[in-house]
Every structure is written in C-alpha cells, then in structure tokens.
C-alpha cells in the first residue's frame, strides 16, 4: 500500500503507524462524497484516513463542469485538485489502495485492503461510487488505449483533427462530446434511443455545435482496426441494419454500476439494482457504517451530481461523529 498526502509520498512507517491505531473513521473512496466526508470528519476532530484507488473518482475523468456552485466553468480534474488541496490542508492521509472487505470486530471495524493490510476504525464511510460500464463487444479490449477510451479529459488531446465517436446519451456523454469538439474535427454521438437523457442545457449546446452529429437508435456491435482502432460496426435498433463507420477513436460513456459484491460481502442491505440502502442520515443496515454518493439507493440514477455526492458525504461524516460521541463520548482514546 502506498500513501499520499496531496502530491507528497509518505514513508511506509506512517502507514504502519496508521495500522497500529484505532481510527475514528475510515472513508472508502476519494470522489466528492469521500473527500467532503473527510473534510467534515477532520473538522469534527475525528482521526480520519481515506482509502481509494485514486483521488477524484469519476470527476477526475469528467470534462467541463458548469453546474458546481462557485465555478462557472472548470475542468473535472481541476475541480478535483481544488477538493484535494482543501482536504490536504487538514492533514488527512490518503491510502492509495482498494478495499476488499470490511468486518465488525467487537466495537470496531477491520478494513482490509487489496495489499493485505488491516486498519481498524470505530466507523466506516463507504463512498465508493460506481464502476464504469463497458460495451462488451468484440474489439473493445483489443483496442483499449489504442482508440478506445473511457476518459475524455485524459485522452481528448490525442485526437486533434481526428474523427471520434461517443457512446451514450446522458450528461457524461454530452460533456465528453463537447470537450472533444475542441480537438477533433468530427464527433459522432451514438445513442441507442431516439432522445437524449442529458440535461436540456447540454442538449442545446450539442444541437448548436456543427462538429457534432447524433446517430439515433444505434448501438455498437464491433470495433475493428489494425494496430489502432479504425472503424466501428454499428446496428440500427429499429431496423436491424448494420453498417460501418470510420473513426479514429471511441469514448464510452454508458453509465456505471455499484460494487455490489463489496456491499454484500459486508452484509449490507442493497436494493434490487445492487445499490446500498441508506436513510436520510446516510446510515446503512449496519450500525457504524455509512454510505454516500453514487452507490447509494437514494441518489436518483439520472441525477448523479457532484453537489449531491458532496452533500451526502458531509451528512455521513455528521452521522459518524454523532455515533462516536454517543457511544464513546468526548474522552475516547
């Protein structure tokens, strides 16, 4: 397990020190929900650590963000940098790892990472977000990184004056498409339905952009190329007709799904879709474990917003603080 604080790499003995402690809260996930939970937990003077595979989650892969209060327009990675700097100012350590299990051990929890390390805490906040869905078509794996991308801000500059496609019809697909028009000469949006799910403002921007063409009622059947992606085989959902489309790159923005295996392994109640069930205080079915962000059942599937996740993270920290205060009082060690 590596550990970072902002851009600083901390020595392994710091990790060992954390492993030797009983923390107040361990936050699993480094997106807006997890980072805001860390901020509030730190302000509540709770001993806190964040375990995450990265810092920023899906926001770190987002394009232009224009609906987060205080920023008229900011790139997703730049917004994440602002979040990180704020949390870093409170000295909260980030453990760059993934969590494979959480189990109760008496009055506390043991959080196990993929590196095999066990950390203990009085409470746990799960802010794990969702995993990006893939097309699951022939050629997708072969051309991953060779024309297939799941991160427009990361890879858009690689497609200057190229022809690209974006698969999806929600806000993420719209944002990616608009960003790509700043580099590519042509952007196709491939959508399986006859209308987009993106918010109206995005739809207006898409219609006004001369570089964008929407292929309605269409799905991707196969990706083809040599050393690099060269074309996609598309199929109409209404007629069944198949045809080829020459492209240099394709960006997959078709939503995500929660890490249901982790939730069920912990023993948490989930809904029929696999999202963890919480109440209005972000409490799960297991006392002392809280959840926030895109992986909870109360977040609307069509309203995965940074501000919603951040607010839920704050609520989760508030609940964890009150749980600890009631159970252990001010004199906890």
C-alpha atoms as a PDB file:
ATOM      1  CA  UNK A   1       0.000   0.000   0.000  1.00  0.00           C
ATOM      2  CA  UNK A   2       1.286   3.458  -0.850  1.00  0.00           C
ATOM      3  CA  UNK A   3       0.168   6.531   0.984  1.00  0.00           C
ATOM      4  CA  UNK A   4      -0.011  10.068  -0.227  1.00  0.00           C
ATOM      5  CA  UNK A   5      -0.921  13.433   1.180  1.00  0.00           C
ATOM      6  CA  UNK A   6      -1.674  15.619  -1.804  1.00  0.00           C
ATOM      7  CA  UNK A   7       1.372  15.240  -4.022  1.00  0.00           C
ATOM      8  CA  UNK A   8       3.609  14.044  -1.185  1.00  0.00           C
ATOM      9  CA  UNK A   9       4.582  10.401  -0.855  1.00  0.00           C
ATOM     10  CA  UNK A  10       4.814   9.480   2.813  1.00  0.00           C
ATOM     11  CA  UNK A  11       7.126   6.872   4.291  1.00  0.00           C
ATOM     12  CA  UNK A  12       5.982   3.340   4.973  1.00  0.00           C
ATOM     13  CA  UNK A  13       6.320   3.844   8.709  1.00  0.00           C
ATOM     14  CA  UNK A  14       3.413   6.315   8.517  1.00  0.00           C
ATOM     15  CA  UNK A  15       1.272   3.533   7.077  1.00  0.00           C
ATOM     16  CA  UNK A  16       2.443   1.254   9.892  1.00  0.00           C
ATOM     17  CA  UNK A  17       1.514   3.930  12.397  1.00  0.00           C
ATOM     18  CA  UNK A  18      -1.998   4.150  10.976  1.00  0.00           C
ATOM     19  CA  UNK A  19      -2.297   0.373  11.116  1.00  0.00           C
ATOM     20  CA  UNK A  20      -1.379   0.452  14.786  1.00  0.00           C
ATOM     21  CA  UNK A  21      -4.144   2.916  15.661  1.00  0.00           C
ATOM     22  CA  UNK A  22      -7.855   2.666  16.234  1.00  0.00           C
ATOM     23  CA  UNK A  23      -9.096   5.459  13.979  1.00  0.00           C
ATOM     24  CA  UNK A  24     -12.403   7.207  14.408  1.00  0.00           C
ATOM     25  CA  UNK A  25     -13.392   6.849  10.780  1.00  0.00           C
ATOM     26  CA  UNK A  26     -12.081   5.220   7.620  1.00  0.00           C
ATOM     27  CA  UNK A  27     -13.504   6.628   4.412  1.00  0.00           C
ATOM     28  CA  UNK A  28     -13.503   4.277   1.433  1.00  0.00           C
ATOM     29  CA  UNK A  29     -13.453   6.269  -1.806  1.00  0.00           C
ATOM     30  CA  UNK A  30     -11.837   9.506  -2.930  1.00  0.00           C
ATOM     31  CA  UNK A  31     -14.524  11.162  -5.025  1.00  0.00           C
ATOM     32  CA  UNK A  32     -16.638  14.191  -3.998  1.00  0.00           C
ATOM     33  CA  UNK A  33     -18.556  12.179  -1.374  1.00  0.00           C
ATOM     34  CA  UNK A  34     -15.424  10.725   0.178  1.00  0.00           C
ATOM     35  CA  UNK A  35     -13.430  13.952   0.091  1.00  0.00           C
ATOM     36  CA  UNK A  36     -16.224  16.028   1.594  1.00  0.00           C
ATOM     37  CA  UNK A  37     -16.743  13.362   4.253  1.00  0.00           C
ATOM     38  CA  UNK A  38     -13.019  13.605   5.029  1.00  0.00           C
ATOM     39  CA  UNK A  39     -13.219  17.388   5.255  1.00  0.00           C
ATOM     40  CA  UNK A  40     -16.135  17.319   7.669  1.00  0.00           C
ATOM     41  CA  UNK A  41     -14.682  14.448   9.708  1.00  0.00           C
ATOM     42  CA  UNK A  42     -11.432  16.374  10.091  1.00  0.00           C
ATOM     43  CA  UNK A  43     -13.330  19.481  11.185  1.00  0.00           C
ATOM     44  CA  UNK A  44     -15.145  17.340  13.764  1.00  0.00           C
ATOM     45  CA  UNK A  45     -11.658  16.405  15.045  1.00  0.00           C
ATOM     46  CA  UNK A  46     -12.125  12.741  14.161  1.00  0.00           C
ATOM     47  CA  UNK A  47      -8.966  10.749  13.409  1.00  0.00           C
ATOM     48  CA  UNK A  48      -9.527  10.001   9.745  1.00  0.00           C
ATOM     49  CA  UNK A  49      -7.965   8.187   6.800  1.00  0.00           C
ATOM     50  CA  UNK A  50      -9.146   7.855   3.204  1.00  0.00           C
ATOM     51  CA  UNK A  51      -8.560   4.651   1.235  1.00  0.00           C
ATOM     52  CA  UNK A  52      -9.078   4.986  -2.507  1.00  0.00           C
ATOM     53  CA  UNK A  53      -7.633   3.755  -5.776  1.00  0.00           C
ATOM     54  CA  UNK A  54      -7.416   7.354  -6.927  1.00  0.00           C
ATOM     55  CA  UNK A  55      -8.333  10.871  -5.873  1.00  0.00           C
ATOM     56  CA  UNK A  56     -11.370  12.389  -7.538  1.00  0.00           C
ATOM     57  CA  UNK A  57     -13.274   9.359  -8.752  1.00  0.00           C
ATOM     58  CA  UNK A  58     -15.365   9.962 -11.861  1.00  0.00           C
ATOM     59  CA  UNK A  59     -14.990  13.737 -11.531  1.00  0.00           C
ATOM     60  CA  UNK A  60     -11.284  13.334 -12.268  1.00  0.00           C
ATOM     61  CA  UNK A  61     -12.311  11.908 -15.654  1.00  0.00           C
ATOM     62  CA  UNK A  62     -15.016  14.476 -16.389  1.00  0.00           C
ATOM     63  CA  UNK A  63     -14.883  17.219 -18.975  1.00  0.00           C
ATOM     64  CA  UNK A  64     -16.150  20.723 -18.401  1.00  0.00           C
ATOM     65  CA  UNK A  65     -18.141  21.139 -15.173  1.00  0.00           C
ATOM     66  CA  UNK A  66     -20.533  24.105 -15.361  1.00  0.00           C
ATOM     67  CA  UNK A  67     -23.040  23.371 -12.598  1.00  0.00           C
ATOM     68  CA  UNK A  68     -20.942  23.300  -9.425  1.00  0.00           C
ATOM     69  CA  UNK A  69     -21.595  26.363  -7.303  1.00  0.00           C
ATOM     70  CA  UNK A  70     -18.728  28.844  -7.314  1.00  0.00           C
ATOM     71  CA  UNK A  71     -17.262  27.782 -10.663  1.00  0.00           C
ATOM     72  CA  UNK A  72     -18.871  28.974 -13.866  1.00  0.00           C
ATOM     73  CA  UNK A  73     -16.729  26.545 -15.852  1.00  0.00           C
ATOM     74  CA  UNK A  74     -13.954  24.268 -14.675  1.00  0.00           C
ATOM     75  CA  UNK A  75     -12.437  21.028 -15.913  1.00  0.00           C
ATOM     76  CA  UNK A  76     -13.195  17.983 -13.777  1.00  0.00           C
ATOM     77  CA  UNK A  77      -9.517  17.274 -12.903  1.00  0.00           C
ATOM     78  CA  UNK A  78      -9.031  20.930 -11.904  1.00  0.00           C
ATOM     79  CA  UNK A  79     -12.052  20.786  -9.613  1.00  0.00           C
ATOM     80  CA  UNK A  80     -10.669  17.621  -8.025  1.00  0.00           C
ATOM     81  CA  UNK A  81      -7.386  19.438  -7.425  1.00  0.00           C
ATOM     82  CA  UNK A  82      -9.306  22.132  -5.517  1.00  0.00           C
ATOM     83  CA  UNK A  83     -11.052  19.463  -3.433  1.00  0.00           C
ATOM     84  CA  UNK A  84      -7.785  17.707  -2.706  1.00  0.00           C
ATOM     85  CA  UNK A  85      -5.991  20.873  -1.648  1.00  0.00           C
ATOM     86  CA  UNK A  86      -8.790  21.713   0.763  1.00  0.00           C
ATOM     87  CA  UNK A  87      -8.757  18.280   2.421  1.00  0.00           C
ATOM     88  CA  UNK A  88      -4.952  18.230   2.418  1.00  0.00           C
ATOM     89  CA  UNK A  89      -4.927  21.411   4.487  1.00  0.00           C
ATOM     90  CA  UNK A  90      -6.415  19.352   7.339  1.00  0.00           C
ATOM     91  CA  UNK A  91      -3.678  16.722   7.129  1.00  0.00           C
ATOM     92  CA  UNK A  92      -5.949  13.809   6.207  1.00  0.00           C
ATOM     93  CA  UNK A  93      -3.857  10.900   4.833  1.00  0.00           C
ATOM     94  CA  UNK A  94      -4.846   9.144   1.594  1.00  0.00           C
ATOM     95  CA  UNK A  95      -4.021   5.476   1.269  1.00  0.00           C
ATOM     96  CA  UNK A  96      -3.812   4.622  -2.419  1.00  0.00           C
ATOM     97  CA  UNK A  97      -5.324   1.165  -2.431  1.00  0.00           C
ATOM     98  CA  UNK A  98      -8.644  -0.626  -2.814  1.00  0.00           C
ATOM     99  CA  UNK A  99     -10.744  -2.162  -0.070  1.00  0.00           C
ATOM    100  CA  UNK A 100     -11.727  -5.801  -0.428  1.00  0.00           C
ATOM    101  CA  UNK A 101     -13.519  -6.400   2.889  1.00  0.00           C
ATOM    102  CA  UNK A 102     -14.971  -4.711   5.945  1.00  0.00           C
ATOM    103  CA  UNK A 103     -15.911  -6.729   9.022  1.00  0.00           C
ATOM    104  CA  UNK A 104     -17.020  -5.951  12.537  1.00  0.00           C
ATOM    105  CA  UNK A 105     -14.673  -6.927  15.347  1.00  0.00           C
ATOM    106  CA  UNK A 106     -16.268  -6.156  18.690  1.00  0.00           C
ATOM    107  CA  UNK A 107     -16.975  -2.428  18.925  1.00  0.00           C
ATOM    108  CA  UNK A 108     -14.863  -1.534  15.884  1.00  0.00           C
ATOM    109  CA  UNK A 109     -14.372  -2.466  12.235  1.00  0.00           C
ATOM    110  CA  UNK A 110     -11.461  -4.047  10.409  1.00  0.00           C
ATOM    111  CA  UNK A 111     -10.948  -2.711   6.882  1.00  0.00           C
ATOM    112  CA  UNK A 112      -8.845  -4.968   4.645  1.00  0.00           C
ATOM    113  CA  UNK A 113      -7.121  -3.665   1.532  1.00  0.00           C
ATOM    114  CA  UNK A 114      -6.046  -5.468  -1.618  1.00  0.00           C
ATOM    115  CA  UNK A 115      -2.473  -5.176  -0.348  1.00  0.00           C
ATOM    116  CA  UNK A 116      -3.403  -7.337   2.626  1.00  0.00           C
ATOM    117  CA  UNK A 117      -3.238  -4.552   5.209  1.00  0.00           C
ATOM    118  CA  UNK A 118      -5.788  -4.341   8.022  1.00  0.00           C
ATOM    119  CA  UNK A 119      -6.808  -0.990   9.500  1.00  0.00           C
ATOM    120  CA  UNK A 120      -9.206  -0.518  12.385  1.00  0.00           C
ATOM    121  CA  UNK A 121     -11.789   2.192  12.953  1.00  0.00           C
ATOM    122  CA  UNK A 122     -14.843   2.944  15.035  1.00  0.00           C
ATOM    123  CA  UNK A 123     -16.875   3.846  11.954  1.00  0.00           C
ATOM    124  CA  UNK A 124     -16.665   3.409   8.193  1.00  0.00           C
ATOM    125  CA  UNK A 125     -17.984   5.645   5.423  1.00  0.00           C
ATOM    126  CA  UNK A 126     -18.400   3.945   2.047  1.00  0.00           C
ATOM    127  CA  UNK A 127     -18.127   6.485  -0.765  1.00  0.00           C
ATOM    128  CA  UNK A 128     -17.092   4.013  -3.433  1.00  0.00           C
ATOM    129  CA  UNK A 129     -19.100   5.372  -6.340  1.00  0.00           C
ATOM    130  CA  UNK A 130     -19.740   3.209  -9.355  1.00  0.00           C
ATOM    131  CA  UNK A 131     -17.691   1.235 -11.875  1.00  0.00           C
ATOM    132  CA  UNK A 132     -17.788   2.350 -15.496  1.00  0.00           C
ATOM    133  CA  UNK A 133     -19.761   0.046 -17.765  1.00  0.00           C
ATOM    134  CA  UNK A 134     -18.113  -1.253 -20.903  1.00  0.00           C
ATOM    135  CA  UNK A 135     -19.566  -2.028 -24.293  1.00  0.00           C
ATOM    136  CA  UNK A 136     -18.633  -5.714 -24.055  1.00  0.00           C
ATOM    137  CA  UNK A 137     -18.236  -6.025 -27.813  1.00  0.00           C
ATOM    138  CA  UNK A 138     -15.568  -7.649 -29.941  1.00  0.00           C
ATOM    139  CA  UNK A 139     -12.506  -5.413 -30.292  1.00  0.00           C
ATOM    140  CA  UNK A 140     -13.154  -3.297 -27.185  1.00  0.00           C
ATOM    141  CA  UNK A 141     -10.476  -4.957 -25.080  1.00  0.00           C
ATOM    142  CA  UNK A 142      -8.058  -5.255 -28.002  1.00  0.00           C
ATOM    143  CA  UNK A 143      -8.162  -1.523 -28.764  1.00  0.00           C
ATOM    144  CA  UNK A 144      -8.333  -0.262 -25.177  1.00  0.00           C
ATOM    145  CA  UNK A 145      -5.791   2.561 -25.126  1.00  0.00           C
ATOM    146  CA  UNK A 146      -5.428   2.262 -28.889  1.00  0.00           C
ATOM    147  CA  UNK A 147      -8.525   4.218 -29.807  1.00  0.00           C
ATOM    148  CA  UNK A 148     -10.939   3.061 -27.115  1.00  0.00           C
ATOM    149  CA  UNK A 149     -11.137   5.430 -24.146  1.00  0.00           C
ATOM    150  CA  UNK A 150     -13.212   5.870 -21.010  1.00  0.00           C
ATOM    151  CA  UNK A 151     -11.824   9.300 -20.121  1.00  0.00           C
ATOM    152  CA  UNK A 152     -12.338  12.261 -22.465  1.00  0.00           C
ATOM    153  CA  UNK A 153     -10.286  14.796 -20.448  1.00  0.00           C
ATOM    154  CA  UNK A 154      -7.400  12.329 -20.305  1.00  0.00           C
ATOM    155  CA  UNK A 155      -7.321  11.425 -23.986  1.00  0.00           C
ATOM    156  CA  UNK A 156      -9.100  14.161 -25.960  1.00  0.00           C
ATOM    157  CA  UNK A 157      -5.837  15.953 -26.927  1.00  0.00           C
ATOM    158  CA  UNK A 158      -4.655  12.739 -28.609  1.00  0.00           C
ATOM    159  CA  UNK A 159      -7.388  13.072 -31.233  1.00  0.00           C
ATOM    160  CA  UNK A 160      -6.628  16.504 -32.649  1.00  0.00           C
ATOM    161  CA  UNK A 161      -8.133  16.796 -36.157  1.00  0.00           C
ATOM    162  CA  UNK A 162      -9.406  13.197 -35.931  1.00  0.00           C
ATOM    163  CA  UNK A 163     -12.874  11.657 -36.215  1.00  0.00           C
ATOM    164  CA  UNK A 164     -14.231  10.248 -32.973  1.00  0.00           C
ATOM    165  CA  UNK A 165     -17.431   8.824 -31.541  1.00  0.00           C
ATOM    166  CA  UNK A 166     -19.011   8.989 -28.093  1.00  0.00           C
ATOM    167  CA  UNK A 167     -21.360   6.225 -26.963  1.00  0.00           C
ATOM    168  CA  UNK A 168     -24.110   7.310 -24.567  1.00  0.00           C
ATOM    169  CA  UNK A 169     -26.935   9.771 -24.108  1.00  0.00           C
ATOM    170  CA  UNK A 170     -26.571  11.247 -20.633  1.00  0.00           C
ATOM    171  CA  UNK A 171     -24.748  14.209 -19.154  1.00  0.00           C
ATOM    172  CA  UNK A 172     -21.396  12.416 -19.186  1.00  0.00           C
ATOM    173  CA  UNK A 173     -21.700  11.646 -22.898  1.00  0.00           C
ATOM    174  CA  UNK A 174     -22.755  15.220 -23.672  1.00  0.00           C
ATOM    175  CA  UNK A 175     -19.894  16.704 -21.660  1.00  0.00           C
ATOM    176  CA  UNK A 176     -17.372  14.388 -23.309  1.00  0.00           C
ATOM    177  CA  UNK A 177     -18.697  15.226 -26.777  1.00  0.00           C
ATOM    178  CA  UNK A 178     -18.466  18.969 -26.231  1.00  0.00           C
ATOM    179  CA  UNK A 179     -14.943  18.671 -24.893  1.00  0.00           C
ATOM    180  CA  UNK A 180     -13.885  16.544 -27.866  1.00  0.00           C
ATOM    181  CA  UNK A 181     -15.075  19.190 -30.333  1.00  0.00           C
ATOM    182  CA  UNK A 182     -12.229  21.375 -29.060  1.00  0.00           C
ATOM    183  CA  UNK A 183      -9.786  18.861 -30.563  1.00  0.00           C
ATOM    184  CA  UNK A 184     -11.457  16.517 -33.064  1.00  0.00           C
ATOM    185  CA  UNK A 185     -12.753  17.638 -36.440  1.00  0.00           C
ATOM    186  CA  UNK A 186     -15.871  15.453 -36.199  1.00  0.00           C
ATOM    187  CA  UNK A 187     -17.737  13.928 -33.243  1.00  0.00           C
ATOM    188  CA  UNK A 188     -20.453  11.314 -33.613  1.00  0.00           C
ATOM    189  CA  UNK A 189     -22.758  10.584 -30.688  1.00  0.00           C
ATOM    190  CA  UNK A 190     -24.005   7.009 -30.829  1.00  0.00           C
ATOM    191  CA  UNK A 191     -27.212   6.604 -28.830  1.00  0.00           C
ATOM    192  CA  UNK A 192     -29.463   3.571 -28.626  1.00  0.00           C
ATOM    193  CA  UNK A 193     -32.655   5.602 -28.190  1.00  0.00           C
ATOM    194  CA  UNK A 194     -34.403   8.382 -30.122  1.00  0.00           C
ATOM    195  CA  UNK A 195     -33.843  11.050 -27.453  1.00  0.00           C
ATOM    196  CA  UNK A 196     -31.041  12.026 -25.100  1.00  0.00           C
ATOM    197  CA  UNK A 197     -31.149  11.900 -21.305  1.00  0.00           C
ATOM    198  CA  UNK A 198     -28.706  14.803 -20.936  1.00  0.00           C
ATOM    199  CA  UNK A 199     -29.957  17.964 -19.263  1.00  0.00           C
ATOM    200  CA  UNK A 200     -31.613  20.495 -21.618  1.00  0.00           C
ATOM    201  CA  UNK A 201     -28.716  22.967 -21.491  1.00  0.00           C
ATOM    202  CA  UNK A 202     -26.343  20.276 -22.729  1.00  0.00           C
ATOM    203  CA  UNK A 203     -28.770  19.266 -25.468  1.00  0.00           C
ATOM    204  CA  UNK A 204     -28.977  22.848 -26.717  1.00  0.00           C
ATOM    205  CA  UNK A 205     -25.175  23.049 -26.842  1.00  0.00           C
ATOM    206  CA  UNK A 206     -24.962  19.764 -28.750  1.00  0.00           C
ATOM    207  CA  UNK A 207     -27.508  20.910 -31.354  1.00  0.00           C
ATOM    208  CA  UNK A 208     -25.675  24.188 -31.901  1.00  0.00           C
ATOM    209  CA  UNK A 209     -22.264  22.598 -32.408  1.00  0.00           C
ATOM    210  CA  UNK A 210     -21.568  21.996 -36.127  1.00  0.00           C
ATOM    211  CA  UNK A 211     -18.965  19.322 -35.398  1.00  0.00           C
ATOM    212  CA  UNK A 212     -21.475  17.026 -33.669  1.00  0.00           C
ATOM    213  CA  UNK A 213     -23.743  14.508 -35.395  1.00  0.00           C
ATOM    214  CA  UNK A 214     -26.074  12.266 -33.403  1.00  0.00           C
ATOM    215  CA  UNK A 215     -26.716   8.731 -34.646  1.00  0.00           C
ATOM    216  CA  UNK A 216     -30.098   7.868 -33.159  1.00  0.00           C
ATOM    217  CA  UNK A 217     -31.392   4.353 -32.416  1.00  0.00           C
ATOM    218  CA  UNK A 218     -27.914   2.934 -32.889  1.00  0.00           C
ATOM    219  CA  UNK A 219     -25.628   0.572 -30.969  1.00  0.00           C
ATOM    220  CA  UNK A 220     -22.034  -0.595 -31.417  1.00  0.00           C
ATOM    221  CA  UNK A 221     -21.678  -4.233 -32.479  1.00  0.00           C
ATOM    222  CA  UNK A 222     -17.927  -4.488 -33.080  1.00  0.00           C
ATOM    223  CA  UNK A 223     -14.730  -2.449 -33.176  1.00  0.00           C
ATOM    224  CA  UNK A 224     -12.156  -3.041 -35.901  1.00  0.00           C
ATOM    225  CA  UNK A 225      -8.677  -1.913 -36.824  1.00  0.00           C
ATOM    226  CA  UNK A 226      -5.059  -2.970 -37.183  1.00  0.00           C
ATOM    227  CA  UNK A 227      -2.645  -1.674 -34.562  1.00  0.00           C
ATOM    228  CA  UNK A 228      -5.117   1.115 -33.839  1.00  0.00           C
ATOM    229  CA  UNK A 229      -8.874   1.437 -33.956  1.00  0.00           C
ATOM    230  CA  UNK A 230     -10.063   2.253 -37.468  1.00  0.00           C
ATOM    231  CA  UNK A 231     -13.809   1.657 -37.570  1.00  0.00           C
ATOM    232  CA  UNK A 232     -16.939   0.530 -35.741  1.00  0.00           C
ATOM    233  CA  UNK A 233     -19.689  -1.787 -36.893  1.00  0.00           C
ATOM    234  CA  UNK A 234     -22.991  -0.172 -35.929  1.00  0.00           C
ATOM    235  CA  UNK A 235     -26.528  -1.516 -35.891  1.00  0.00           C
ATOM    236  CA  UNK A 236     -29.842   0.302 -36.007  1.00  0.00           C
ATOM    237  CA  UNK A 237     -32.084  -0.736 -33.110  1.00  0.00           C
ATOM    238  CA  UNK A 238     -35.254  -0.026 -35.112  1.00  0.00           C
ATOM    239  CA  UNK A 239     -34.444  -1.745 -38.419  1.00  0.00           C
ATOM    240  CA  UNK A 240     -31.587  -4.103 -37.539  1.00  0.00           C
ATOM    241  CA  UNK A 241     -29.462  -2.661 -40.359  1.00  0.00           C
ATOM    242  CA  UNK A 242     -25.697  -2.918 -39.841  1.00  0.00           C
ATOM    243  CA  UNK A 243     -23.143  -0.565 -41.344  1.00  0.00           C
ATOM    244  CA  UNK A 244     -19.584   0.577 -40.813  1.00  0.00           C
ATOM    245  CA  UNK A 245     -18.361   3.923 -39.504  1.00  0.00           C
ATOM    246  CA  UNK A 246     -14.759   5.056 -39.977  1.00  0.00           C
ATOM    247  CA  UNK A 247     -13.433   6.544 -36.722  1.00  0.00           C
ATOM    248  CA  UNK A 248     -10.092   7.107 -35.059  1.00  0.00           C
ATOM    249  CA  UNK A 249     -11.375   6.882 -31.510  1.00  0.00           C
ATOM    250  CA  UNK A 250     -14.397   5.968 -29.452  1.00  0.00           C
ATOM    251  CA  UNK A 251     -15.263   7.214 -25.957  1.00  0.00           C
ATOM    252  CA  UNK A 252     -17.546   5.023 -23.861  1.00  0.00           C
ATOM    253  CA  UNK A 253     -19.972   6.927 -21.617  1.00  0.00           C
ATOM    254  CA  UNK A 254     -22.807   4.473 -20.957  1.00  0.00           C
ATOM    255  CA  UNK A 255     -23.150   4.744 -17.224  1.00  0.00           C
ATOM    256  CA  UNK A 256     -21.908   2.686 -14.346  1.00  0.00           C
ATOM    257  CA  UNK A 257     -22.891   0.134 -11.693  1.00  0.00           C
ATOM    258  CA  UNK A 258     -22.231  -0.180  -7.959  1.00  0.00           C
ATOM    259  CA  UNK A 259     -19.697  -2.605  -6.403  1.00  0.00           C
ATOM    260  CA  UNK A 260     -22.447  -4.885  -5.134  1.00  0.00           C
ATOM    261  CA  UNK A 261     -20.028  -7.691  -4.242  1.00  0.00           C
ATOM    262  CA  UNK A 262     -18.353  -5.465  -1.650  1.00  0.00           C
ATOM    263  CA  UNK A 263     -21.688  -4.450  -0.121  1.00  0.00           C
ATOM    264  CA  UNK A 264     -22.986  -7.989   0.085  1.00  0.00           C
ATOM    265  CA  UNK A 265     -19.671  -9.223   1.449  1.00  0.00           C
ATOM    266  CA  UNK A 266     -20.011  -6.743   4.308  1.00  0.00           C
ATOM    267  CA  UNK A 267     -23.606  -7.858   4.827  1.00  0.00           C
ATOM    268  CA  UNK A 268     -25.247  -4.555   3.958  1.00  0.00           C
ATOM    269  CA  UNK A 269     -28.776  -4.351   2.666  1.00  0.00           C
ATOM    270  CA  UNK A 270     -28.952  -3.455  -1.027  1.00  0.00           C
ATOM    271  CA  UNK A 271     -31.829  -2.762  -3.370  1.00  0.00           C
ATOM    272  CA  UNK A 272     -32.733  -4.833  -6.404  1.00  0.00           C
ATOM    273  CA  UNK A 273     -30.162  -2.959  -8.512  1.00  0.00           C
ATOM    274  CA  UNK A 274     -27.306  -3.537  -6.066  1.00  0.00           C
ATOM    275  CA  UNK A 275     -27.186  -0.039  -4.560  1.00  0.00           C
ATOM    276  CA  UNK A 276     -26.641   0.121  -0.798  1.00  0.00           C
ATOM    277  CA  UNK A 277     -29.753   1.110   1.140  1.00  0.00           C
ATOM    278  CA  UNK A 278     -29.403   4.186   3.368  1.00  0.00           C
ATOM    279  CA  UNK A 279     -31.733   6.517   5.217  1.00  0.00           C
ATOM    280  CA  UNK A 280     -31.709  10.312   5.178  1.00  0.00           C
ATOM    281  CA  UNK A 281     -28.717  10.353   7.558  1.00  0.00           C
ATOM    282  CA  UNK A 282     -26.726   8.027   5.254  1.00  0.00           C
ATOM    283  CA  UNK A 283     -26.971   5.182   7.774  1.00  0.00           C
ATOM    284  CA  UNK A 284     -26.777   1.670   6.326  1.00  0.00           C
ATOM    285  CA  UNK A 285     -28.277  -1.502   7.766  1.00  0.00           C
ATOM    286  CA  UNK A 286     -25.076  -1.969   9.830  1.00  0.00           C
ATOM    287  CA  UNK A 287     -24.723   0.476  12.767  1.00  0.00           C
ATOM    288  CA  UNK A 288     -21.475   2.414  12.446  1.00  0.00           C
ATOM    289  CA  UNK A 289     -21.251   2.022   8.661  1.00  0.00           C
ATOM    290  CA  UNK A 290     -22.428   4.883   6.456  1.00  0.00           C
ATOM    291  CA  UNK A 291     -22.582   5.305   2.698  1.00  0.00           C
ATOM    292  CA  UNK A 292     -22.728   8.309   0.381  1.00  0.00           C
ATOM    293  CA  UNK A 293     -22.535   9.205  -3.284  1.00  0.00           C
ATOM    294  CA  UNK A 294     -23.414   7.415  -6.487  1.00  0.00           C
ATOM    295  CA  UNK A 295     -23.580   3.934  -4.949  1.00  0.00           C
ATOM    296  CA  UNK A 296     -26.481   4.630  -2.549  1.00  0.00           C
ATOM    297  CA  UNK A 297     -30.097   3.874  -3.365  1.00  0.00           C
ATOM    298  CA  UNK A 298     -31.450   7.369  -2.612  1.00  0.00           C
ATOM    299  CA  UNK A 299     -29.383   9.089  -5.320  1.00  0.00           C
ATOM    300  CA  UNK A 300     -31.530   9.242  -8.499  1.00  0.00           C
ATOM    301  CA  UNK A 301     -29.953   7.286 -11.343  1.00  0.00           C
ATOM    302  CA  UNK A 302     -30.476  10.218 -13.697  1.00  0.00           C
ATOM    303  CA  UNK A 303     -29.140  12.800 -11.250  1.00  0.00           C
ATOM    304  CA  UNK A 304     -25.596  11.704 -10.394  1.00  0.00           C
ATOM    305  CA  UNK A 305     -24.313  15.144  -9.455  1.00  0.00           C
ATOM    306  CA  UNK A 306     -21.115  16.298  -7.741  1.00  0.00           C
ATOM    307  CA  UNK A 307     -23.033  18.546  -5.380  1.00  0.00           C
ATOM    308  CA  UNK A 308     -25.365  15.703  -4.326  1.00  0.00           C
ATOM    309  CA  UNK A 309     -22.461  13.359  -3.592  1.00  0.00           C
ATOM    310  CA  UNK A 310     -20.588  16.043  -1.664  1.00  0.00           C
ATOM    311  CA  UNK A 311     -23.640  16.836   0.441  1.00  0.00           C
ATOM    312  CA  UNK A 312     -24.204  13.188   1.244  1.00  0.00           C
ATOM    313  CA  UNK A 313     -20.550  12.866   2.257  1.00  0.00           C
ATOM    314  CA  UNK A 314     -20.988  15.714   4.731  1.00  0.00           C
ATOM    315  CA  UNK A 315     -24.103  14.046   6.158  1.00  0.00           C
ATOM    316  CA  UNK A 316     -22.264  10.734   6.536  1.00  0.00           C
ATOM    317  CA  UNK A 317     -19.472  12.434   8.497  1.00  0.00           C
ATOM    318  CA  UNK A 318     -22.066  14.184  10.665  1.00  0.00           C
ATOM    319  CA  UNK A 319     -23.708  10.845  11.431  1.00  0.00           C
ATOM    320  CA  UNK A 320     -20.387   9.153  12.158  1.00  0.00           C
ATOM    321  CA  UNK A 321     -19.470  11.990  14.535  1.00  0.00           C
ATOM    322  CA  UNK A 322     -22.736  11.693  16.460  1.00  0.00           C
ATOM    323  CA  UNK A 323     -22.460   7.899  16.606  1.00  0.00           C
ATOM    324  CA  UNK A 324     -18.966   8.179  18.113  1.00  0.00           C
ATOM    325  CA  UNK A 325     -19.998  10.958  20.501  1.00  0.00           C
ATOM    326  CA  UNK A 326     -22.962   8.970  21.775  1.00  0.00           C
ATOM    327  CA  UNK A 327     -21.062   5.692  22.035  1.00  0.00           C
ATOM    328  CA  UNK A 328     -17.680   6.842  23.288  1.00  0.00           C
ATOM    329  CA  UNK A 329     -18.108  10.433  24.435  1.00  0.00           C
ATOM    330  CA  UNK A 330     -15.502  13.194  24.240  1.00  0.00           C
ATOM    331  CA  UNK A 331     -12.910  11.165  26.176  1.00  0.00           C
ATOM    332  CA  UNK A 332     -12.254   8.493  23.553  1.00  0.00           C
ATOM    333  CA  UNK A 333      -8.626   7.460  23.045  1.00  0.00           C
END
